Amino acid sequence: MKFSRRHIEEPEINLIPFIDVLLVVLIFLMLSTTYSRFTELQINLPSANAEKLGDRPGEVIVAVSADGRYAVNHEAIDGRSVELLTSALAGAAGGKADTVVIISADALTPHQAVINVLDAARRAGLTRLTFAAQSTAGH
């Protein structure tokens, strides 16, 4: 008797269907992905339809110029440090914690100058803040 040896094949993973599926997914991702470049941002400044209000005793107006200079209640501050601004805000508030700080910044003011006003108000204990907007009636 002749016994034949059976040749047992090793199982192997067929990668061709897997590669086909990955190629389809890759093509789908390439076609559905959007690439956009932000070369410049169009920013609209805030505007409001409110009437002009006169100076009220519970308000401190901080004006910030385009070059980063400060004025508290129409009085210029000599310097641009947060400490000087903090003492000017504390003096203008007169120790009242419920005083509203109105930040009136120029459209070209650097962000750091506005952040300095926010930091000085926090240091002076003034937590009520608002930003002034330009009126739409003038446009």
N, C-alpha and C. Protein backbone atom coordinates (compact mmCIF):
# COMPACT_ATOMS: atom_id res chain seq x y z
N MET A 1 0.81 -1.15 0.00
CA MET A 1 0.00 0.00 0.00
C MET A 1 0.87 1.23 0.00
N LYS A 2 0.35 2.03 -0.74
CA LYS A 2 1.06 3.28 -0.86
C LYS A 2 0.25 4.37 -0.18
N PHE A 3 0.83 4.95 0.80
CA PHE A 3 0.16 6.07 1.48
C PHE A 3 0.72 7.37 0.94
N SER A 4 -0.18 8.17 0.54
CA SER A 4 0.30 9.47 0.04
C SER A 4 0.22 10.50 1.17
N ARG A 5 1.18 11.23 1.16
CA ARG A 5 1.19 12.29 2.17
C ARG A 5 0.35 13.46 1.66
N ARG A 6 -0.49 13.88 2.51
CA ARG A 6 -1.31 15.02 2.12
C ARG A 6 -0.51 16.30 2.33
N HIS A 7 -0.59 17.09 1.34
CA HIS A 7 0.11 18.38 1.43
C HIS A 7 -0.85 19.39 2.05
N ILE A 8 -0.54 19.87 3.24
CA ILE A 8 -1.40 20.83 3.94
C ILE A 8 -0.90 22.23 3.62
N GLU A 9 -1.84 23.02 3.10
CA GLU A 9 -1.47 24.39 2.75
C GLU A 9 -1.59 25.27 3.98
N GLU A 10 -0.65 26.14 4.10
CA GLU A 10 -0.68 27.12 5.19
C GLU A 10 -1.72 28.18 4.85
N PRO A 11 -2.54 28.55 5.83
CA PRO A 11 -3.50 29.62 5.52
C PRO A 11 -2.77 30.94 5.33
N GLU A 12 -3.20 31.70 4.36
CA GLU A 12 -2.58 33.00 4.14
C GLU A 12 -3.65 34.06 3.98
N ILE A 13 -3.30 35.24 4.36
CA ILE A 13 -4.25 36.36 4.32
C ILE A 13 -4.15 37.00 2.95
N ASN A 14 -5.29 37.16 2.34
CA ASN A 14 -5.33 37.79 1.03
C ASN A 14 -5.46 39.30 1.23
N LEU A 15 -4.46 40.05 0.86
CA LEU A 15 -4.42 41.49 1.10
C LEU A 15 -4.99 42.30 -0.06
N ILE A 16 -5.27 41.72 -1.17
CA ILE A 16 -5.72 42.47 -2.33
C ILE A 16 -7.08 43.15 -2.07
N PRO A 17 -8.10 42.48 -1.53
CA PRO A 17 -9.35 43.21 -1.26
C PRO A 17 -9.17 44.32 -0.23
N PHE A 18 -8.30 44.11 0.75
CA PHE A 18 -8.03 45.13 1.75
C PHE A 18 -7.40 46.37 1.11
N ILE A 19 -6.47 46.17 0.21
CA ILE A 19 -5.83 47.30 -0.48
C ILE A 19 -6.83 48.02 -1.36
N ASP A 20 -7.73 47.28 -2.01
CA ASP A 20 -8.76 47.91 -2.84
C ASP A 20 -9.67 48.82 -2.01
N VAL A 21 -10.09 48.35 -0.85
CA VAL A 21 -10.95 49.15 0.02
C VAL A 21 -10.22 50.39 0.51
N LEU A 22 -8.96 50.23 0.89
CA LEU A 22 -8.19 51.39 1.35
C LEU A 22 -8.00 52.43 0.24
N LEU A 23 -7.82 51.99 -0.99
CA LEU A 23 -7.68 52.93 -2.10
C LEU A 23 -8.97 53.71 -2.31
N VAL A 24 -10.11 53.04 -2.22
CA VAL A 24 -11.38 53.73 -2.37
C VAL A 24 -11.57 54.75 -1.25
N VAL A 25 -11.24 54.39 -0.03
CA VAL A 25 -11.37 55.31 1.10
C VAL A 25 -10.42 56.50 0.93
N LEU A 26 -9.21 56.23 0.47
CA LEU A 26 -8.24 57.31 0.25
C LEU A 26 -8.73 58.28 -0.82
N ILE A 27 -9.27 57.78 -1.90
CA ILE A 27 -9.79 58.65 -2.95
C ILE A 27 -10.97 59.46 -2.44
N PHE A 28 -11.84 58.83 -1.66
CA PHE A 28 -12.98 59.55 -1.09
C PHE A 28 -12.51 60.68 -0.18
N LEU A 29 -11.54 60.41 0.68
CA LEU A 29 -11.03 61.45 1.58
C LEU A 29 -10.36 62.58 0.82
N MET A 30 -9.64 62.25 -0.23
CA MET A 30 -8.97 63.29 -1.01
C MET A 30 -9.98 64.19 -1.72
N LEU A 31 -11.08 63.64 -2.17
CA LEU A 31 -12.07 64.44 -2.88
C LEU A 31 -12.97 65.23 -1.94
N SER A 32 -13.19 64.72 -0.74
CA SER A 32 -14.12 65.40 0.16
C SER A 32 -13.44 66.41 1.08
N THR A 33 -12.15 66.40 1.17
CA THR A 33 -11.43 67.33 2.04
C THR A 33 -11.30 68.68 1.35
N THR A 34 -11.56 69.74 2.10
CA THR A 34 -11.39 71.08 1.54
C THR A 34 -10.15 71.71 2.15
N TYR A 35 -9.39 72.31 1.32
CA TYR A 35 -8.20 73.03 1.75
C TYR A 35 -8.45 74.51 1.52
N SER A 36 -8.39 75.27 2.59
CA SER A 36 -8.59 76.70 2.44
C SER A 36 -7.45 77.43 3.10
N ARG A 37 -7.12 78.54 2.52
CA ARG A 37 -6.02 79.35 3.04
C ARG A 37 -6.58 80.69 3.47
N PHE A 38 -6.22 81.10 4.68
CA PHE A 38 -6.68 82.39 5.18
C PHE A 38 -5.56 83.39 4.98
N THR A 39 -5.66 84.15 3.90
CA THR A 39 -4.63 85.16 3.67
C THR A 39 -4.96 86.47 4.36
N GLU A 40 -6.26 86.76 4.49
CA GLU A 40 -6.63 87.94 5.22
C GLU A 40 -8.03 87.73 5.77
N LEU A 41 -8.32 88.37 6.88
CA LEU A 41 -9.62 88.23 7.52
C LEU A 41 -10.41 89.51 7.31
N GLN A 42 -11.66 89.36 6.95
CA GLN A 42 -12.56 90.51 6.85
C GLN A 42 -13.29 90.62 8.18
N ILE A 43 -13.07 91.72 8.87
CA ILE A 43 -13.66 91.91 10.20
C ILE A 43 -14.59 93.11 10.15
N ASN A 44 -15.81 92.90 10.61
CA ASN A 44 -16.75 94.00 10.74
C ASN A 44 -16.75 94.46 12.19
N LEU A 45 -16.55 95.74 12.38
CA LEU A 45 -16.52 96.28 13.73
C LEU A 45 -17.92 96.30 14.31
N PRO A 46 -18.05 96.19 15.63
CA PRO A 46 -19.38 96.20 16.23
C PRO A 46 -20.05 97.56 16.08
N SER A 47 -21.35 97.53 15.99
CA SER A 47 -22.11 98.77 15.91
C SER A 47 -23.36 98.61 16.76
N ALA A 48 -23.91 99.74 17.17
CA ALA A 48 -25.09 99.71 18.03
C ALA A 48 -26.00 100.87 17.67
N ASN A 49 -27.28 100.71 17.93
CA ASN A 49 -28.26 101.76 17.68
C ASN A 49 -28.67 102.44 18.97
N ALA A 50 -27.74 102.70 19.83
CA ALA A 50 -28.05 103.33 21.11
C ALA A 50 -27.75 104.82 21.03
N GLU A 51 -28.50 105.58 21.81
CA GLU A 51 -28.23 107.01 21.88
C GLU A 51 -27.01 107.25 22.75
N LYS A 52 -26.34 108.37 22.48
CA LYS A 52 -25.19 108.70 23.30
C LYS A 52 -25.65 109.09 24.69
N LEU A 53 -24.98 108.54 25.67
CA LEU A 53 -25.29 108.88 27.06
C LEU A 53 -24.19 109.76 27.61
N GLY A 54 -24.56 110.66 28.48
CA GLY A 54 -23.57 111.51 29.12
C GLY A 54 -22.81 110.74 30.18
N ASP A 55 -21.80 111.36 30.75
CA ASP A 55 -21.03 110.71 31.81
C ASP A 55 -21.92 110.52 33.03
N ARG A 56 -21.95 109.31 33.52
CA ARG A 56 -22.71 109.01 34.72
C ARG A 56 -21.71 108.72 35.84
N PRO A 57 -22.07 108.94 37.08
CA PRO A 57 -21.11 108.78 38.16
C PRO A 57 -20.63 107.35 38.35
N GLY A 58 -21.39 106.34 37.94
CA GLY A 58 -20.98 104.95 38.15
C GLY A 58 -20.22 104.37 37.00
N GLU A 59 -19.68 105.21 36.13
CA GLU A 59 -18.96 104.73 34.95
C GLU A 59 -17.56 105.32 34.88
N VAL A 60 -16.65 104.50 34.39
CA VAL A 60 -15.29 104.95 34.11
C VAL A 60 -15.03 104.63 32.65
N ILE A 61 -14.72 105.64 31.86
CA ILE A 61 -14.46 105.44 30.43
C ILE A 61 -12.96 105.38 30.21
N VAL A 62 -12.51 104.26 29.62
CA VAL A 62 -11.10 104.09 29.30
C VAL A 62 -10.99 104.14 27.78
N ALA A 63 -10.30 105.16 27.28
CA ALA A 63 -10.08 105.29 25.84
C ALA A 63 -8.69 104.74 25.52
N VAL A 64 -8.63 103.94 24.45
CA VAL A 64 -7.36 103.36 24.01
C VAL A 64 -7.13 103.81 22.57
N SER A 65 -6.01 104.49 22.34
CA SER A 65 -5.73 104.99 20.99
C SER A 65 -5.13 103.89 20.12
N ALA A 66 -4.99 104.19 18.84
CA ALA A 66 -4.47 103.20 17.89
C ALA A 66 -3.02 102.82 18.20
N ASP A 67 -2.27 103.71 18.82
CA ASP A 67 -0.88 103.39 19.14
C ASP A 67 -0.72 102.88 20.57
N GLY A 68 -1.82 102.60 21.28
CA GLY A 68 -1.74 101.96 22.59
C GLY A 68 -1.68 102.89 23.77
N ARG A 69 -1.96 104.20 23.59
CA ARG A 69 -1.99 105.12 24.72
C ARG A 69 -3.36 105.07 25.38
N TYR A 70 -3.39 105.36 26.69
CA TYR A 70 -4.63 105.26 27.47
C TYR A 70 -5.06 106.63 28.00
N ALA A 71 -6.38 106.77 28.17
CA ALA A 71 -6.96 107.93 28.84
C ALA A 71 -8.12 107.43 29.68
N VAL A 72 -8.12 107.78 30.97
CA VAL A 72 -9.19 107.37 31.88
C VAL A 72 -10.02 108.60 32.18
N ASN A 73 -11.31 108.54 31.84
CA ASN A 73 -12.23 109.69 31.99
C ASN A 73 -11.64 110.95 31.38
N HIS A 74 -11.18 110.85 30.16
CA HIS A 74 -10.65 111.95 29.35
C HIS A 74 -9.36 112.55 29.90
N GLU A 75 -8.67 111.87 30.79
CA GLU A 75 -7.38 112.32 31.30
C GLU A 75 -6.32 111.32 30.86
N ALA A 76 -5.34 111.81 30.10
CA ALA A 76 -4.30 110.94 29.56
C ALA A 76 -3.42 110.37 30.67
N ILE A 77 -2.96 109.16 30.48
CA ILE A 77 -2.06 108.50 31.43
C ILE A 77 -0.66 108.55 30.85
N ASP A 78 0.31 108.96 31.68
CA ASP A 78 1.70 109.04 31.24
C ASP A 78 2.33 107.66 31.35
N GLY A 79 2.29 106.89 30.31
CA GLY A 79 2.87 105.56 30.31
C GLY A 79 1.86 104.52 29.85
N ARG A 80 2.38 103.34 29.61
CA ARG A 80 1.52 102.27 29.10
C ARG A 80 1.53 101.03 29.97
N SER A 81 2.02 101.15 31.20
CA SER A 81 2.11 99.97 32.05
C SER A 81 0.76 99.65 32.69
N VAL A 82 0.60 98.39 33.03
CA VAL A 82 -0.64 97.94 33.66
C VAL A 82 -0.77 98.53 35.07
N GLU A 83 0.35 98.73 35.76
CA GLU A 83 0.30 99.27 37.11
C GLU A 83 -0.22 100.69 37.13
N LEU A 84 0.24 101.53 36.20
CA LEU A 84 -0.26 102.91 36.11
C LEU A 84 -1.75 102.92 35.78
N LEU A 85 -2.15 102.05 34.88
CA LEU A 85 -3.56 101.97 34.50
C LEU A 85 -4.41 101.47 35.65
N THR A 86 -3.88 100.54 36.44
CA THR A 86 -4.61 100.01 37.60
C THR A 86 -4.85 101.12 38.62
N SER A 87 -3.82 101.90 38.92
CA SER A 87 -3.99 102.97 39.90
C SER A 87 -4.93 104.06 39.38
N ALA A 88 -4.89 104.35 38.09
CA ALA A 88 -5.80 105.35 37.52
C ALA A 88 -7.25 104.85 37.57
N LEU A 89 -7.47 103.57 37.30
CA LEU A 89 -8.82 103.01 37.36
C LEU A 89 -9.34 102.99 38.79
N ALA A 90 -8.47 102.60 39.72
CA ALA A 90 -8.89 102.56 41.12
C ALA A 90 -9.23 103.96 41.62
N GLY A 91 -8.46 104.95 41.22
CA GLY A 91 -8.74 106.33 41.62
C GLY A 91 -10.02 106.86 40.99
N ALA A 92 -10.27 106.51 39.73
CA ALA A 92 -11.48 106.98 39.06
C ALA A 92 -12.73 106.30 39.60
N ALA A 93 -12.59 105.05 40.04
CA ALA A 93 -13.75 104.33 40.58
C ALA A 93 -14.09 104.80 41.97
N GLY A 94 -13.13 105.34 42.69
CA GLY A 94 -13.38 105.85 44.03
C GLY A 94 -13.75 104.78 45.05
N GLY A 95 -13.25 103.58 44.85
CA GLY A 95 -13.51 102.51 45.81
C GLY A 95 -14.84 101.80 45.63
N LYS A 96 -15.62 102.19 44.63
CA LYS A 96 -16.90 101.53 44.39
C LYS A 96 -16.68 100.31 43.50
N ALA A 97 -17.04 99.12 43.99
CA ALA A 97 -16.81 97.89 43.23
C ALA A 97 -17.83 97.71 42.12
N ASP A 98 -18.98 98.40 42.20
CA ASP A 98 -20.01 98.22 41.17
C ASP A 98 -19.86 99.21 40.00
N THR A 99 -18.73 99.89 39.92
CA THR A 99 -18.47 100.83 38.83
C THR A 99 -18.32 100.07 37.52
N VAL A 100 -18.94 100.59 36.47
CA VAL A 100 -18.85 99.98 35.14
C VAL A 100 -17.68 100.61 34.39
N VAL A 101 -16.81 99.77 33.86
CA VAL A 101 -15.68 100.23 33.05
C VAL A 101 -16.08 100.10 31.59
N ILE A 102 -16.09 101.22 30.88
CA ILE A 102 -16.42 101.22 29.46
C ILE A 102 -15.12 101.37 28.68
N ILE A 103 -14.81 100.35 27.88
CA ILE A 103 -13.58 100.36 27.08
C ILE A 103 -13.92 100.87 25.69
N SER A 104 -13.34 102.00 25.34
CA SER A 104 -13.55 102.60 24.03
C SER A 104 -12.23 102.55 23.29
N ALA A 105 -12.07 101.50 22.47
CA ALA A 105 -10.79 101.29 21.78
C ALA A 105 -10.92 101.64 20.31
N ASP A 106 -9.87 102.19 19.76
CA ASP A 106 -9.79 102.50 18.34
C ASP A 106 -9.83 101.19 17.55
N ALA A 107 -10.27 101.26 16.30
CA ALA A 107 -10.36 100.06 15.47
C ALA A 107 -8.99 99.44 15.20
N LEU A 108 -7.94 100.23 15.23
CA LEU A 108 -6.60 99.73 14.95
C LEU A 108 -5.77 99.47 16.20
N THR A 109 -6.42 99.47 17.36
CA THR A 109 -5.71 99.25 18.62
C THR A 109 -5.19 97.82 18.68
N PRO A 110 -3.94 97.63 19.11
CA PRO A 110 -3.44 96.27 19.28
C PRO A 110 -4.21 95.53 20.37
N HIS A 111 -4.37 94.25 20.20
CA HIS A 111 -5.11 93.45 21.19
C HIS A 111 -4.47 93.53 22.57
N GLN A 112 -3.15 93.60 22.62
CA GLN A 112 -2.47 93.62 23.90
C GLN A 112 -2.87 94.85 24.72
N ALA A 113 -3.11 95.97 24.06
CA ALA A 113 -3.52 97.18 24.79
C ALA A 113 -4.88 96.99 25.44
N VAL A 114 -5.80 96.31 24.75
CA VAL A 114 -7.12 96.06 25.34
C VAL A 114 -7.02 95.04 26.47
N ILE A 115 -6.18 94.03 26.29
CA ILE A 115 -5.97 93.03 27.35
C ILE A 115 -5.37 93.69 28.58
N ASN A 116 -4.50 94.68 28.39
CA ASN A 116 -3.94 95.41 29.53
C ASN A 116 -5.03 96.14 30.31
N VAL A 117 -6.02 96.70 29.60
CA VAL A 117 -7.14 97.37 30.28
C VAL A 117 -7.93 96.35 31.09
N LEU A 118 -8.21 95.19 30.50
CA LEU A 118 -8.95 94.14 31.21
C LEU A 118 -8.19 93.67 32.45
N ASP A 119 -6.87 93.52 32.32
CA ASP A 119 -6.05 93.09 33.45
C ASP A 119 -6.01 94.16 34.55
N ALA A 120 -5.90 95.42 34.15
CA ALA A 120 -5.88 96.51 35.13
C ALA A 120 -7.21 96.61 35.86
N ALA A 121 -8.31 96.41 35.16
CA ALA A 121 -9.63 96.45 35.80
C ALA A 121 -9.77 95.30 36.80
N ARG A 122 -9.26 94.13 36.44
CA ARG A 122 -9.31 93.00 37.37
C ARG A 122 -8.48 93.29 38.61
N ARG A 123 -7.29 93.86 38.42
CA ARG A 123 -6.43 94.18 39.56
C ARG A 123 -7.05 95.25 40.46
N ALA A 124 -7.81 96.17 39.86
CA ALA A 124 -8.45 97.24 40.64
C ALA A 124 -9.74 96.76 41.29
N GLY A 125 -10.15 95.53 41.01
CA GLY A 125 -11.37 94.98 41.60
C GLY A 125 -12.64 95.38 40.88
N LEU A 126 -12.50 95.85 39.65
CA LEU A 126 -13.67 96.25 38.85
C LEU A 126 -14.03 95.12 37.91
N THR A 127 -15.18 94.51 38.15
CA THR A 127 -15.55 93.32 37.38
C THR A 127 -16.63 93.59 36.34
N ARG A 128 -17.22 94.76 36.36
CA ARG A 128 -18.27 95.07 35.39
C ARG A 128 -17.64 95.84 34.23
N LEU A 129 -17.55 95.17 33.07
CA LEU A 129 -16.88 95.74 31.90
C LEU A 129 -17.82 95.73 30.71
N THR A 130 -17.64 96.71 29.85
CA THR A 130 -18.38 96.73 28.59
C THR A 130 -17.51 97.42 27.54
N PHE A 131 -17.82 97.17 26.28
CA PHE A 131 -17.09 97.77 25.19
C PHE A 131 -17.98 98.77 24.47
N ALA A 132 -17.42 99.91 24.11
CA ALA A 132 -18.17 100.91 23.35
C ALA A 132 -18.18 100.51 21.89
N ALA A 133 -19.30 100.77 21.23
CA ALA A 133 -19.43 100.48 19.80
C ALA A 133 -19.74 101.76 19.06
N GLN A 134 -19.46 101.76 17.78
CA GLN A 134 -19.76 102.95 17.01
C GLN A 134 -21.20 102.88 16.50
N SER A 135 -21.82 103.99 16.39
CA SER A 135 -23.23 104.07 16.02
C SER A 135 -23.40 103.79 14.53
N THR A 136 -24.47 103.07 14.18
CA THR A 136 -24.74 102.79 12.77
C THR A 136 -25.39 103.97 12.06
N ALA A 137 -25.87 104.95 12.82
CA ALA A 137 -26.52 106.13 12.21
C ALA A 137 -25.53 106.96 11.43
N GLY A 138 -24.26 106.92 11.78
CA GLY A 138 -23.24 107.71 11.10
C GLY A 138 -22.80 107.10 9.78
N HIS A 139 -23.23 105.89 9.48
CA HIS A 139 -22.77 105.23 8.25
C HIS A 139 -23.77 105.39 7.17
